[in-house]
PDB file of all heavy atoms in Angstrom:
ATOM      1  N   GLN A   1       1.406  -1.603  22.117  1.00  0.00           N
ATOM      2  CA  GLN A   1       1.625  -3.058  22.209  1.00  0.00           C
ATOM      3  C   GLN A   1       0.299  -3.813  22.106  1.00  0.00           C
ATOM      4  O   GLN A   1       0.240  -4.909  21.533  1.00  0.00           O
ATOM      5  CB  GLN A   1       2.315  -3.407  23.539  1.00  0.00           C
ATOM      6  CG  GLN A   1       3.767  -2.922  23.640  1.00  0.00           C
ATOM      7  CD  GLN A   1       3.882  -1.435  23.841  1.00  0.00           C
ATOM      8  OE1 GLN A   1       2.914  -0.816  24.307  1.00  0.00           O
ATOM      9  NE2 GLN A   1       5.012  -0.858  23.466  1.00  0.00           N
ATOM     10  N   GLU A   2      -0.776  -3.208  22.654  1.00  0.00           N
ATOM     11  CA  GLU A   2      -2.055  -3.915  22.651  1.00  0.00           C
ATOM     12  C   GLU A   2      -2.691  -3.973  21.272  1.00  0.00           C
ATOM     13  O   GLU A   2      -3.493  -4.872  21.005  1.00  0.00           O
ATOM     14  CB  GLU A   2      -3.025  -3.215  23.625  1.00  0.00           C
ATOM     15  CG  GLU A   2      -2.638  -3.393  25.077  1.00  0.00           C
ATOM     16  CD  GLU A   2      -3.495  -2.558  26.000  1.00  0.00           C
ATOM     17  OE1 GLU A   2      -4.059  -1.539  25.535  1.00  0.00           O
ATOM     18  OE2 GLU A   2      -3.615  -2.911  27.190  1.00  0.00           O
ATOM     19  N   VAL A   3      -2.362  -3.036  20.386  1.00  0.00           N
ATOM     20  CA  VAL A   3      -3.007  -3.029  19.073  1.00  0.00           C
ATOM     21  C   VAL A   3      -2.142  -3.657  17.991  1.00  0.00           C
ATOM     22  O   VAL A   3      -2.560  -3.717  16.831  1.00  0.00           O
ATOM     23  CB  VAL A   3      -3.369  -1.590  18.665  1.00  0.00           C
ATOM     24  CG1 VAL A   3      -4.360  -0.985  19.630  1.00  0.00           C
ATOM     25  CG2 VAL A   3      -2.122  -0.722  18.545  1.00  0.00           C
ATOM     26  N   GLN A   4      -0.927  -4.095  18.343  1.00  0.00           N
ATOM     27  CA  GLN A   4      -0.094  -4.741  17.342  1.00  0.00           C
ATOM     28  C   GLN A   4      -0.798  -5.997  16.818  1.00  0.00           C
ATOM     29  O   GLN A   4      -1.325  -6.808  17.583  1.00  0.00           O
ATOM     30  CB  GLN A   4       1.268  -5.111  17.935  1.00  0.00           C
ATOM     31  CG  GLN A   4       2.167  -3.920  18.206  1.00  0.00           C
ATOM     32  CD  GLN A   4       2.557  -3.191  16.930  1.00  0.00           C
ATOM     33  OE1 GLN A   4       2.679  -3.789  15.861  1.00  0.00           O
ATOM     34  NE2 GLN A   4       2.744  -1.873  17.050  1.00  0.00           N
ATOM     35  N   ASN A   5      -0.811  -6.097  15.486  1.00  0.00           N
ATOM     36  CA  ASN A   5      -1.443  -7.231  14.780  1.00  0.00           C
ATOM     37  C   ASN A   5      -2.956  -7.271  14.973  1.00  0.00           C
ATOM     38  O   ASN A   5      -3.592  -8.292  14.682  1.00  0.00           O
ATOM     39  CB  ASN A   5      -0.835  -8.568  15.230  1.00  0.00           C
ATOM     40  CG  ASN A   5       0.649  -8.644  14.928  1.00  0.00           C
ATOM     41  OD1 ASN A   5       1.100  -8.163  13.866  1.00  0.00           O
ATOM     42  ND2 ASN A   5       1.428  -9.230  15.833  1.00  0.00           N
ATOM     43  N   GLN A   6      -3.526  -6.146  15.452  1.00  0.00           N
ATOM     44  CA  GLN A   6      -4.972  -6.040  15.545  1.00  0.00           C
ATOM     45  C   GLN A   6      -5.489  -5.225  14.356  1.00  0.00           C
ATOM     46  O   GLN A   6      -4.751  -4.491  13.715  1.00  0.00           O
ATOM     47  CB  GLN A   6      -5.387  -5.368  16.855  1.00  0.00           C
ATOM     48  CG  GLN A   6      -4.959  -6.120  18.104  1.00  0.00           C
ATOM     49  CD  GLN A   6      -5.670  -7.458  18.246  1.00  0.00           C
ATOM     50  OE1 GLN A   6      -6.803  -7.609  17.791  1.00  0.00           O
ATOM     51  NE2 GLN A   6      -4.990  -8.424  18.862  1.00  0.00           N
ATOM     52  N   THR A   7      -6.778  -5.356  14.075  1.00  0.00           N
ATOM     53  CA  THR A   7      -7.350  -4.637  12.934  1.00  0.00           C
ATOM     54  C   THR A   7      -7.790  -3.233  13.364  1.00  0.00           C
ATOM     55  O   THR A   7      -8.015  -2.958  14.541  1.00  0.00           O
ATOM     56  CB  THR A   7      -8.564  -5.393  12.373  1.00  0.00           C
ATOM     57  OG1 THR A   7      -9.570  -5.468  13.385  1.00  0.00           O
ATOM     58  CG2 THR A   7      -8.164  -6.786  11.926  1.00  0.00           C
ATOM     59  N   LEU A   8      -7.915  -2.388  12.365  1.00  0.00           N
ATOM     60  CA  LEU A   8      -8.338  -1.011  12.615  1.00  0.00           C
ATOM     61  C   LEU A   8      -9.750  -0.970  13.190  1.00  0.00           C
ATOM     62  O   LEU A   8     -10.053  -0.157  14.058  1.00  0.00           O
ATOM     63  CB  LEU A   8      -8.269  -0.212  11.311  1.00  0.00           C
ATOM     64  CG  LEU A   8      -8.618   1.267  11.413  1.00  0.00           C
ATOM     65  CD1 LEU A   8      -7.553   2.017  12.197  1.00  0.00           C
ATOM     66  CD2 LEU A   8      -8.772   1.872  10.018  1.00  0.00           C
ATOM     67  N   ALA A   9     -10.625  -1.856  12.713  1.00  0.00           N
ATOM     68  CA  ALA A   9     -12.011  -1.866  13.183  1.00  0.00           C
ATOM     69  C   ALA A   9     -12.089  -2.204  14.658  1.00  0.00           C
ATOM     70  O   ALA A   9     -12.897  -1.647  15.405  1.00  0.00           O
ATOM     71  CB  ALA A   9     -12.836  -2.850  12.362  1.00  0.00           C
ATOM     72  N   MET A  10     -11.213  -3.106  15.116  1.00  0.00           N
ATOM     73  CA  MET A  10     -11.230  -3.488  16.528  1.00  0.00           C
ATOM     74  C   MET A  10     -10.818  -2.318  17.420  1.00  0.00           C
ATOM     75  O   MET A  10     -11.404  -2.102  18.480  1.00  0.00           O
ATOM     76  CB  MET A  10     -10.283  -4.676  16.747  1.00  0.00           C
ATOM     77  CG  MET A  10     -10.315  -5.265  18.173  1.00  0.00           C
ATOM     78  SD  MET A  10      -9.334  -4.343  19.415  1.00  0.00           S
ATOM     79  CE  MET A  10      -7.702  -4.510  18.741  1.00  0.00           C
ATOM     80  N   ALA A  11      -9.831  -1.535  16.984  1.00  0.00           N
ATOM     81  CA  ALA A  11      -9.283  -0.475  17.834  1.00  0.00           C
ATOM     82  C   ALA A  11     -10.069   0.823  17.743  1.00  0.00           C
ATOM     83  O   ALA A  11     -10.132   1.582  18.714  1.00  0.00           O
ATOM     84  CB  ALA A  11      -7.819  -0.224  17.484  1.00  0.00           C
ATOM     85  N   THR A  12     -10.673   1.117  16.594  1.00  0.00           N
ATOM     86  CA  THR A  12     -11.293   2.428  16.397  1.00  0.00           C
ATOM     87  C   THR A  12     -12.758   2.374  16.032  1.00  0.00           C
ATOM     88  O   THR A  12     -13.445   3.404  16.097  1.00  0.00           O
ATOM     89  CB  THR A  12     -10.560   3.200  15.287  1.00  0.00           C
ATOM     90  OG1 THR A  12     -10.763   2.536  14.034  1.00  0.00           O
ATOM     91  CG2 THR A  12      -9.071   3.301  15.576  1.00  0.00           C
ATOM     92  N   GLY A  13     -13.255   1.199  15.628  1.00  0.00           N
ATOM     93  CA  GLY A  13     -14.632   1.125  15.172  1.00  0.00           C
ATOM     94  C   GLY A  13     -14.794   1.499  13.716  1.00  0.00           C
ATOM     95  O   GLY A  13     -15.914   1.447  13.182  1.00  0.00           O
ATOM     96  N   PHE A  14     -13.701   1.888  13.048  1.00  0.00           N
ATOM     97  CA  PHE A  14     -13.755   2.232  11.622  1.00  0.00           C
ATOM     98  C   PHE A  14     -13.305   1.004  10.845  1.00  0.00           C
ATOM     99  O   PHE A  14     -12.150   0.564  10.918  1.00  0.00           O
ATOM    100  CB  PHE A  14     -12.828   3.411  11.327  1.00  0.00           C
ATOM    101  CG  PHE A  14     -12.936   3.929   9.922  1.00  0.00           C
ATOM    102  CD1 PHE A  14     -14.053   4.627   9.496  1.00  0.00           C
ATOM    103  CD2 PHE A  14     -11.911   3.718   9.024  1.00  0.00           C
ATOM    104  CE1 PHE A  14     -14.147   5.100   8.209  1.00  0.00           C
ATOM    105  CE2 PHE A  14     -11.994   4.191   7.723  1.00  0.00           C
ATOM    106  CZ  PHE A  14     -13.109   4.884   7.324  1.00  0.00           C
ATOM    107  N   SER A  15     -14.212   0.424  10.085  1.00  0.00           N
ATOM    108  CA  SER A  15     -13.944  -0.868   9.453  1.00  0.00           C
ATOM    109  C   SER A  15     -13.074  -0.723   8.216  1.00  0.00           C
ATOM    110  O   SER A  15     -12.976   0.351   7.610  1.00  0.00           O
ATOM    111  CB  SER A  15     -15.273  -1.542   9.075  1.00  0.00           C
ATOM    112  OG  SER A  15     -15.938  -0.748   8.101  1.00  0.00           O
ATOM    113  N   VAL A  16     -12.420  -1.827   7.876  1.00  0.00           N
ATOM    114  CA  VAL A  16     -11.596  -1.873   6.655  1.00  0.00           C
ATOM    115  C   VAL A  16     -12.462  -1.684   5.424  1.00  0.00           C
ATOM    116  O   VAL A  16     -12.057  -1.056   4.447  1.00  0.00           O
ATOM    117  CB  VAL A  16     -10.821  -3.204   6.591  1.00  0.00           C
ATOM    118  CG1 VAL A  16      -9.982  -3.271   5.326  1.00  0.00           C
ATOM    119  CG2 VAL A  16      -9.952  -3.369   7.812  1.00  0.00           C
ATOM    120  N   GLU A  17     -13.695  -2.206   5.470  1.00  0.00           N
ATOM    121  CA  GLU A  17     -14.590  -2.052   4.326  1.00  0.00           C
ATOM    122  C   GLU A  17     -14.874  -0.574   4.069  1.00  0.00           C
ATOM    123  O   GLU A  17     -14.922  -0.133   2.905  1.00  0.00           O
ATOM    124  CB  GLU A  17     -15.897  -2.816   4.576  1.00  0.00           C
ATOM    125  CG  GLU A  17     -15.745  -4.334   4.563  1.00  0.00           C
ATOM    126  CD  GLU A  17     -15.104  -4.877   5.824  1.00  0.00           C
ATOM    127  OE1 GLU A  17     -14.985  -4.109   6.807  1.00  0.00           O
ATOM    128  OE2 GLU A  17     -14.709  -6.055   5.829  1.00  0.00           O
ATOM    129  N   SER A  18     -15.055   0.179   5.150  1.00  0.00           N
ATOM    130  CA  SER A  18     -15.288   1.612   4.978  1.00  0.00           C
ATOM    131  C   SER A  18     -14.075   2.287   4.367  1.00  0.00           C
ATOM    132  O   SER A  18     -14.201   3.136   3.481  1.00  0.00           O
ATOM    133  CB  SER A  18     -15.610   2.251   6.335  1.00  0.00           C
ATOM    134  OG  SER A  18     -16.765   1.677   6.894  1.00  0.00           O
ATOM    135  N   ALA A  19     -12.887   1.896   4.809  1.00  0.00           N
ATOM    136  CA  ALA A  19     -11.673   2.465   4.232  1.00  0.00           C
ATOM    137  C   ALA A  19     -11.537   2.075   2.768  1.00  0.00           C
ATOM    138  O   ALA A  19     -11.185   2.899   1.914  1.00  0.00           O
ATOM    139  CB  ALA A  19     -10.450   1.994   5.014  1.00  0.00           C
ATOM    140  N   ALA A  20     -11.826   0.819   2.480  1.00  0.00           N
ATOM    141  CA  ALA A  20     -11.723   0.373   1.090  1.00  0.00           C
ATOM    142  C   ALA A  20     -12.717   1.117   0.207  1.00  0.00           C
ATOM    143  O   ALA A  20     -12.404   1.508  -0.920  1.00  0.00           O
ATOM    144  CB  ALA A  20     -11.953  -1.137   1.011  1.00  0.00           C
ATOM    145  N   TYR A  21     -13.925   1.323   0.746  1.00  0.00           N
ATOM    146  CA  TYR A  21     -14.927   2.058  -0.026  1.00  0.00           C
ATOM    147  C   TYR A  21     -14.512   3.516  -0.189  1.00  0.00           C
ATOM    148  O   TYR A  21     -14.620   4.105  -1.264  1.00  0.00           O
ATOM    149  CB  TYR A  21     -16.288   1.974   0.675  1.00  0.00           C
ATOM    150  CG  TYR A  21     -17.340   2.854   0.029  1.00  0.00           C
ATOM    151  CD1 TYR A  21     -17.963   2.475  -1.162  1.00  0.00           C
ATOM    152  CD2 TYR A  21     -17.700   4.066   0.608  1.00  0.00           C
ATOM    153  CE1 TYR A  21     -18.919   3.281  -1.752  1.00  0.00           C
ATOM    154  CE2 TYR A  21     -18.645   4.883   0.022  1.00  0.00           C
ATOM    155  CZ  TYR A  21     -19.255   4.479  -1.166  1.00  0.00           C
ATOM    156  OH  TYR A  21     -20.188   5.292  -1.745  1.00  0.00           O
ATOM    157  N   GLY A  22     -13.999   4.086   0.889  1.00  0.00           N
ATOM    158  CA  GLY A  22     -13.610   5.489   0.823  1.00  0.00           C
ATOM    159  C   GLY A  22     -12.417   5.721  -0.069  1.00  0.00           C
ATOM    160  O   GLY A  22     -12.266   6.795  -0.650  1.00  0.00           O
ATOM    161  N   LEU A  23     -11.535   4.742  -0.182  1.00  0.00           N
ATOM    162  CA  LEU A  23     -10.318   4.897  -0.978  1.00  0.00           C
ATOM    163  C   LEU A  23     -10.387   4.145  -2.306  1.00  0.00           C
ATOM    164  O   LEU A  23      -9.369   3.865  -2.906  1.00  0.00           O
ATOM    165  CB  LEU A  23      -9.106   4.398  -0.178  1.00  0.00           C
ATOM    166  CG  LEU A  23      -8.779   5.242   1.058  1.00  0.00           C
ATOM    167  CD1 LEU A  23      -7.725   4.539   1.898  1.00  0.00           C
ATOM    168  CD2 LEU A  23      -8.287   6.607   0.641  1.00  0.00           C
ATOM    169  N   SER A  24     -11.569   3.834  -2.738  1.00  0.00           N
ATOM    170  CA  SER A  24     -11.712   3.135  -4.013  1.00  0.00           C
ATOM    171  C   SER A  24     -11.926   4.128  -5.142  1.00  0.00           C
ATOM    172  O   SER A  24     -12.369   5.248  -4.914  1.00  0.00           O
ATOM    173  CB  SER A  24     -12.894   2.154  -3.944  1.00  0.00           C
ATOM    174  OG  SER A  24     -14.092   2.869  -3.707  1.00  0.00           O
ATOM    175  N   GLY A  25     -11.628   3.684  -6.341  1.00  0.00           N
ATOM    176  CA  GLY A  25     -11.871   4.509  -7.519  1.00  0.00           C
ATOM    177  C   GLY A  25     -10.928   5.702  -7.592  1.00  0.00           C
ATOM    178  O   GLY A  25      -9.801   5.671  -7.090  1.00  0.00           O
ATOM    179  N   PRO A  26     -11.367   6.783  -8.223  1.00  0.00           N
ATOM    180  CA  PRO A  26     -10.494   7.953  -8.412  1.00  0.00           C
ATOM    181  C   PRO A  26     -10.132   8.661  -7.102  1.00  0.00           C
ATOM    182  O   PRO A  26      -9.176   9.413  -7.049  1.00  0.00           O
ATOM    183  CB  PRO A  26     -11.336   8.872  -9.303  1.00  0.00           C
ATOM    184  CG  PRO A  26     -12.758   8.470  -9.050  1.00  0.00           C
ATOM    185  CD  PRO A  26     -12.718   6.988  -8.809  1.00  0.00           C
ATOM    186  N   VAL A  27     -10.889   8.397  -6.021  1.00  0.00           N
ATOM    187  CA  VAL A  27     -10.590   9.054  -4.755  1.00  0.00           C
ATOM    188  C   VAL A  27      -9.265   8.549  -4.175  1.00  0.00           C
ATOM    189  O   VAL A  27      -8.591   9.251  -3.426  1.00  0.00           O
ATOM    190  CB  VAL A  27     -11.734   8.836  -3.757  1.00  0.00           C
ATOM    191  CG1 VAL A  27     -11.469   9.528  -2.435  1.00  0.00           C
ATOM    192  CG2 VAL A  27     -13.053   9.309  -4.352  1.00  0.00           C
ATOM    193  N   ALA A  28      -8.875   7.331  -4.534  1.00  0.00           N
ATOM    194  CA  ALA A  28      -7.675   6.743  -3.949  1.00  0.00           C
ATOM    195  C   ALA A  28      -6.434   7.565  -4.251  1.00  0.00           C
ATOM    196  O   ALA A  28      -5.472   7.564  -3.483  1.00  0.00           O
ATOM    197  CB  ALA A  28      -7.499   5.318  -4.462  1.00  0.00           C
TER     198      ALA A  28
END
């Protein structure tokens, strides 16, 4: 309930930018 509508970076410290970078290009 506490993380609903919260971002991944807030809950885990892993930012969306890192995910986008990691899942960009042929790796996706």
